[in-house]
Amino acid sequence: MGLLFLAPQSNPPHTYFGMIPSRSILHGIMFLGFVHLWIGAFKKQLKLGSVRLKAIKIVFGAAFIFALITELVLYLVGLNSMFSLWNLLFDIVGAALGILTFKLLYQQCY
């Protein structure tokens, strides 16, 4: 996921509605999948009950930290001329949607 975020982009980047970069939408979709898969992995822990109980908090925190790190790396490497708040916003929205879809799909299981 991190390598895909570092992939080159067209200059100027394609935007939707005149302001949302297409890369930001990709960030949101990838974070949705990331969170959904990792919550499932944490919920299947057999030895660590505390990890199962706190899986959503752990994964959301990890997603938030990962979003900040990827934005800082993109800025420091020079792929973005400024810290992209759109990417960060879509990362957090994607993570929240991942949690919501997990809860909706697996409400009877966990």
N, C-alpha and C. Protein backbone atom coordinates (compact mmCIF):
# COMPACT_ATOMS: atom_id res chain seq x y z
N MET A 1 0.83 -1.17 0.00
CA MET A 1 0.00 0.00 0.00
C MET A 1 0.88 1.25 0.00
N GLY A 2 1.93 1.22 0.79
CA GLY A 2 2.83 2.35 0.84
C GLY A 2 3.53 2.58 -0.49
N LEU A 3 3.92 1.49 -1.16
CA LEU A 3 4.58 1.64 -2.46
C LEU A 3 3.63 2.22 -3.50
N LEU A 4 2.38 1.85 -3.45
CA LEU A 4 1.41 2.39 -4.39
C LEU A 4 1.20 3.89 -4.16
N PHE A 5 1.26 4.31 -2.89
CA PHE A 5 1.13 5.73 -2.60
C PHE A 5 2.31 6.52 -3.13
N LEU A 6 3.49 5.87 -3.24
CA LEU A 6 4.68 6.55 -3.73
C LEU A 6 4.81 6.52 -5.25
N ALA A 7 3.90 5.87 -5.93
CA ALA A 7 3.94 5.80 -7.40
C ALA A 7 3.79 7.20 -7.99
N PRO A 8 4.47 7.45 -9.10
CA PRO A 8 4.35 8.78 -9.73
C PRO A 8 2.92 9.06 -10.18
N GLN A 9 2.58 10.33 -10.21
CA GLN A 9 1.25 10.73 -10.65
C GLN A 9 1.36 11.74 -11.77
N SER A 10 0.28 11.91 -12.50
CA SER A 10 0.29 12.87 -13.60
C SER A 10 0.39 14.28 -13.04
N ASN A 11 0.94 15.15 -13.85
CA ASN A 11 1.10 16.52 -13.40
C ASN A 11 0.39 17.44 -14.38
N PRO A 12 -0.60 18.17 -14.09
CA PRO A 12 -1.27 18.28 -12.80
C PRO A 12 -2.16 17.06 -12.55
N PRO A 13 -2.37 16.71 -11.30
CA PRO A 13 -3.18 15.52 -11.01
C PRO A 13 -4.64 15.72 -11.42
N HIS A 14 -5.27 14.62 -11.80
CA HIS A 14 -6.68 14.64 -12.18
C HIS A 14 -7.51 14.93 -10.94
N THR A 15 -8.48 15.82 -11.06
CA THR A 15 -9.32 16.17 -9.91
C THR A 15 -10.79 15.92 -10.23
N TYR A 16 -11.55 15.66 -9.17
CA TYR A 16 -13.00 15.52 -9.27
C TYR A 16 -13.65 16.71 -8.59
N PHE A 17 -14.72 17.20 -9.16
CA PHE A 17 -15.45 18.36 -8.65
C PHE A 17 -14.55 19.60 -8.55
N GLY A 18 -13.48 19.61 -9.32
CA GLY A 18 -12.59 20.76 -9.36
C GLY A 18 -11.68 20.92 -8.16
N MET A 19 -11.73 19.97 -7.19
CA MET A 19 -10.88 20.15 -6.01
C MET A 19 -10.36 18.86 -5.39
N ILE A 20 -11.01 17.74 -5.57
CA ILE A 20 -10.59 16.50 -4.92
C ILE A 20 -9.67 15.73 -5.86
N PRO A 21 -8.39 15.55 -5.48
CA PRO A 21 -7.47 14.79 -6.33
C PRO A 21 -7.88 13.32 -6.42
N SER A 22 -7.68 12.73 -7.58
CA SER A 22 -8.06 11.33 -7.77
C SER A 22 -7.26 10.42 -6.84
N ARG A 23 -6.04 10.80 -6.52
CA ARG A 23 -5.22 10.00 -5.61
C ARG A 23 -5.85 9.93 -4.22
N SER A 24 -6.54 10.97 -3.80
CA SER A 24 -7.18 10.97 -2.49
C SER A 24 -8.28 9.93 -2.42
N ILE A 25 -9.03 9.78 -3.51
CA ILE A 25 -10.08 8.76 -3.55
C ILE A 25 -9.46 7.36 -3.47
N LEU A 26 -8.34 7.18 -4.14
CA LEU A 26 -7.61 5.91 -4.06
C LEU A 26 -7.16 5.64 -2.62
N HIS A 27 -6.70 6.67 -1.93
CA HIS A 27 -6.31 6.51 -0.52
C HIS A 27 -7.49 6.01 0.30
N GLY A 28 -8.65 6.62 0.12
CA GLY A 28 -9.83 6.21 0.88
C GLY A 28 -10.22 4.77 0.64
N ILE A 29 -10.20 4.35 -0.61
CA ILE A 29 -10.56 2.97 -0.95
C ILE A 29 -9.56 1.98 -0.36
N MET A 30 -8.28 2.32 -0.44
CA MET A 30 -7.27 1.41 0.08
C MET A 30 -7.32 1.33 1.61
N PHE A 31 -7.58 2.43 2.28
CA PHE A 31 -7.69 2.39 3.73
C PHE A 31 -8.94 1.63 4.16
N LEU A 32 -10.02 1.71 3.40
CA LEU A 32 -11.21 0.92 3.69
C LEU A 32 -10.85 -0.56 3.69
N GLY A 33 -10.18 -1.01 2.66
CA GLY A 33 -9.78 -2.42 2.58
C GLY A 33 -8.78 -2.80 3.65
N PHE A 34 -7.81 -1.92 3.93
CA PHE A 34 -6.80 -2.16 4.95
C PHE A 34 -7.44 -2.40 6.31
N VAL A 35 -8.31 -1.49 6.70
CA VAL A 35 -8.96 -1.59 8.00
C VAL A 35 -9.85 -2.81 8.08
N HIS A 36 -10.61 -3.07 7.03
CA HIS A 36 -11.52 -4.21 7.03
C HIS A 36 -10.76 -5.52 7.20
N LEU A 37 -9.67 -5.69 6.46
CA LEU A 37 -8.88 -6.93 6.56
C LEU A 37 -8.19 -7.07 7.91
N TRP A 38 -7.64 -5.98 8.42
CA TRP A 38 -6.90 -6.08 9.68
C TRP A 38 -7.82 -6.27 10.88
N ILE A 39 -9.01 -5.70 10.86
CA ILE A 39 -9.94 -5.98 11.96
C ILE A 39 -10.30 -7.46 11.95
N GLY A 40 -10.55 -8.02 10.77
CA GLY A 40 -10.84 -9.46 10.68
C GLY A 40 -9.70 -10.30 11.22
N ALA A 41 -8.46 -9.90 10.92
CA ALA A 41 -7.30 -10.65 11.41
C ALA A 41 -7.19 -10.53 12.93
N PHE A 42 -7.41 -9.37 13.47
CA PHE A 42 -7.32 -9.18 14.92
C PHE A 42 -8.45 -9.89 15.65
N LYS A 43 -9.63 -9.93 15.06
CA LYS A 43 -10.76 -10.60 15.70
C LYS A 43 -10.60 -12.12 15.74
N LYS A 44 -9.71 -12.66 14.93
CA LYS A 44 -9.50 -14.11 14.90
C LYS A 44 -8.35 -14.57 15.78
N GLN A 45 -7.80 -13.67 16.60
CA GLN A 45 -6.73 -14.04 17.52
C GLN A 45 -7.29 -15.00 18.56
N LEU A 46 -6.68 -16.15 18.68
CA LEU A 46 -7.16 -17.14 19.63
C LEU A 46 -6.47 -17.01 20.99
N LYS A 47 -5.22 -16.58 21.01
CA LYS A 47 -4.47 -16.53 22.26
C LYS A 47 -4.62 -15.22 23.01
N LEU A 48 -4.79 -14.13 22.30
CA LEU A 48 -4.83 -12.82 22.92
C LEU A 48 -6.25 -12.25 22.92
N GLY A 49 -6.96 -12.47 24.00
CA GLY A 49 -8.33 -11.99 24.10
C GLY A 49 -8.42 -10.48 24.13
N SER A 50 -7.42 -9.82 24.72
CA SER A 50 -7.45 -8.36 24.79
C SER A 50 -7.32 -7.74 23.40
N VAL A 51 -6.58 -8.40 22.51
CA VAL A 51 -6.46 -7.91 21.13
C VAL A 51 -7.80 -8.04 20.42
N ARG A 52 -8.50 -9.14 20.65
CA ARG A 52 -9.82 -9.32 20.04
C ARG A 52 -10.79 -8.23 20.50
N LEU A 53 -10.76 -7.91 21.79
CA LEU A 53 -11.70 -6.93 22.33
C LEU A 53 -11.40 -5.51 21.86
N LYS A 54 -10.13 -5.20 21.68
CA LYS A 54 -9.73 -3.83 21.30
C LYS A 54 -9.31 -3.73 19.84
N ALA A 55 -9.73 -4.66 19.02
CA ALA A 55 -9.28 -4.71 17.63
C ALA A 55 -9.63 -3.44 16.86
N ILE A 56 -10.82 -2.94 17.03
CA ILE A 56 -11.25 -1.77 16.26
C ILE A 56 -10.43 -0.54 16.66
N LYS A 57 -10.21 -0.35 17.94
CA LYS A 57 -9.42 0.79 18.40
C LYS A 57 -7.97 0.68 17.94
N ILE A 58 -7.41 -0.52 18.03
CA ILE A 58 -6.02 -0.72 17.62
C ILE A 58 -5.86 -0.45 16.13
N VAL A 59 -6.74 -1.01 15.33
CA VAL A 59 -6.63 -0.87 13.87
C VAL A 59 -6.89 0.57 13.44
N PHE A 60 -7.86 1.24 14.03
CA PHE A 60 -8.12 2.63 13.66
C PHE A 60 -6.93 3.51 14.04
N GLY A 61 -6.34 3.28 15.20
CA GLY A 61 -5.15 4.02 15.60
C GLY A 61 -3.98 3.77 14.66
N ALA A 62 -3.79 2.51 14.29
CA ALA A 62 -2.72 2.16 13.35
C ALA A 62 -2.96 2.79 11.99
N ALA A 63 -4.20 2.82 11.54
CA ALA A 63 -4.53 3.44 10.25
C ALA A 63 -4.25 4.94 10.30
N PHE A 64 -4.59 5.58 11.41
CA PHE A 64 -4.34 7.01 11.55
C PHE A 64 -2.84 7.32 11.53
N ILE A 65 -2.08 6.53 12.26
CA ILE A 65 -0.62 6.72 12.28
C ILE A 65 -0.03 6.44 10.90
N PHE A 66 -0.50 5.39 10.24
CA PHE A 66 -0.01 5.07 8.90
C PHE A 66 -0.35 6.19 7.91
N ALA A 67 -1.54 6.78 8.05
CA ALA A 67 -1.93 7.88 7.17
C ALA A 67 -0.99 9.08 7.37
N LEU A 68 -0.70 9.40 8.61
CA LEU A 68 0.22 10.51 8.87
C LEU A 68 1.62 10.23 8.33
N ILE A 69 2.09 9.01 8.54
CA ILE A 69 3.43 8.65 8.06
C ILE A 69 3.51 8.71 6.54
N THR A 70 2.51 8.17 5.85
CA THR A 70 2.56 8.20 4.39
C THR A 70 2.50 9.63 3.86
N GLU A 71 1.72 10.49 4.48
CA GLU A 71 1.67 11.88 4.03
C GLU A 71 3.00 12.59 4.28
N LEU A 72 3.62 12.32 5.41
CA LEU A 72 4.93 12.92 5.68
C LEU A 72 5.98 12.41 4.71
N VAL A 73 5.95 11.12 4.40
CA VAL A 73 6.92 10.56 3.45
C VAL A 73 6.70 11.15 2.06
N LEU A 74 5.45 11.27 1.63
CA LEU A 74 5.18 11.87 0.32
C LEU A 74 5.68 13.31 0.27
N TYR A 75 5.53 14.03 1.36
CA TYR A 75 6.00 15.42 1.42
C TYR A 75 7.53 15.47 1.42
N LEU A 76 8.17 14.62 2.23
CA LEU A 76 9.63 14.65 2.35
C LEU A 76 10.33 14.15 1.09
N VAL A 77 9.74 13.17 0.41
CA VAL A 77 10.32 12.65 -0.82
C VAL A 77 10.16 13.67 -1.96
N GLY A 78 9.17 14.52 -1.85
CA GLY A 78 8.96 15.55 -2.85
C GLY A 78 7.88 15.23 -3.86
N LEU A 79 7.11 14.17 -3.62
CA LEU A 79 6.03 13.84 -4.55
C LEU A 79 4.85 14.80 -4.40
N ASN A 80 4.66 15.33 -3.21
CA ASN A 80 3.65 16.37 -2.99
C ASN A 80 4.38 17.63 -2.57
N SER A 81 4.01 18.74 -3.15
CA SER A 81 4.66 19.99 -2.78
C SER A 81 4.18 20.50 -1.43
N MET A 82 3.07 19.96 -0.96
CA MET A 82 2.55 20.35 0.35
C MET A 82 1.86 19.15 0.99
N PHE A 83 1.68 19.22 2.28
CA PHE A 83 0.99 18.18 3.02
C PHE A 83 -0.46 18.15 2.54
N SER A 84 -0.91 17.02 2.03
CA SER A 84 -2.24 16.93 1.42
C SER A 84 -3.30 16.59 2.46
N LEU A 85 -4.11 17.58 2.77
CA LEU A 85 -5.20 17.34 3.71
C LEU A 85 -6.29 16.48 3.08
N TRP A 86 -6.44 16.55 1.76
CA TRP A 86 -7.42 15.70 1.08
C TRP A 86 -7.07 14.23 1.29
N ASN A 87 -5.80 13.87 1.10
CA ASN A 87 -5.38 12.49 1.30
C ASN A 87 -5.64 12.05 2.73
N LEU A 88 -5.28 12.89 3.68
CA LEU A 88 -5.48 12.55 5.08
C LEU A 88 -6.96 12.41 5.40
N LEU A 89 -7.78 13.30 4.88
CA LEU A 89 -9.22 13.21 5.11
C LEU A 89 -9.79 11.92 4.55
N PHE A 90 -9.42 11.58 3.32
CA PHE A 90 -9.94 10.36 2.71
C PHE A 90 -9.37 9.10 3.38
N ASP A 91 -8.15 9.19 3.93
CA ASP A 91 -7.61 8.07 4.70
C ASP A 91 -8.48 7.80 5.92
N ILE A 92 -8.82 8.85 6.65
CA ILE A 92 -9.63 8.69 7.86
C ILE A 92 -11.05 8.26 7.51
N VAL A 93 -11.62 8.84 6.47
CA VAL A 93 -12.97 8.45 6.04
C VAL A 93 -12.98 6.99 5.57
N GLY A 94 -11.95 6.59 4.83
CA GLY A 94 -11.84 5.20 4.39
C GLY A 94 -11.72 4.24 5.56
N ALA A 95 -10.93 4.64 6.58
CA ALA A 95 -10.80 3.80 7.77
C ALA A 95 -12.13 3.69 8.51
N ALA A 96 -12.84 4.80 8.64
CA ALA A 96 -14.14 4.77 9.30
C ALA A 96 -15.14 3.92 8.52
N LEU A 97 -15.13 4.02 7.20
CA LEU A 97 -16.02 3.18 6.39
C LEU A 97 -15.64 1.71 6.49
N GLY A 98 -14.35 1.41 6.62
CA GLY A 98 -13.91 0.03 6.81
C GLY A 98 -14.45 -0.55 8.10
N ILE A 99 -14.42 0.26 9.17
CA ILE A 99 -14.97 -0.18 10.45
C ILE A 99 -16.48 -0.39 10.33
N LEU A 100 -17.15 0.54 9.70
CA LEU A 100 -18.61 0.44 9.54
C LEU A 100 -18.99 -0.78 8.72
N THR A 101 -18.31 -1.03 7.61
CA THR A 101 -18.65 -2.19 6.79
C THR A 101 -18.35 -3.49 7.53
N PHE A 102 -17.26 -3.51 8.30
CA PHE A 102 -16.96 -4.71 9.06
C PHE A 102 -18.06 -4.99 10.08
N LYS A 103 -18.48 -3.94 10.80
CA LYS A 103 -19.54 -4.11 11.79
C LYS A 103 -20.84 -4.56 11.15
N LEU A 104 -21.18 -3.99 9.99
CA LEU A 104 -22.41 -4.38 9.31
C LEU A 104 -22.37 -5.81 8.79
N LEU A 105 -21.24 -6.20 8.22
CA LEU A 105 -21.14 -7.53 7.63
C LEU A 105 -21.00 -8.64 8.67
N TYR A 106 -20.34 -8.34 9.78
CA TYR A 106 -20.03 -9.40 10.74
C TYR A 106 -20.68 -9.15 12.11
N GLN A 107 -21.79 -8.45 12.15
CA GLN A 107 -22.42 -8.16 13.43
C GLN A 107 -22.90 -9.42 14.17
N GLN A 108 -23.21 -10.46 13.44
CA GLN A 108 -23.67 -11.70 14.09
C GLN A 108 -22.49 -12.59 14.53
N CYS A 109 -21.31 -12.36 13.94
CA CYS A 109 -20.17 -13.23 14.23
C CYS A 109 -19.34 -12.77 15.40
N TYR A 110 -19.15 -11.44 15.53
CA TYR A 110 -18.24 -10.93 16.58
C TYR A 110 -18.97 -10.03 17.52
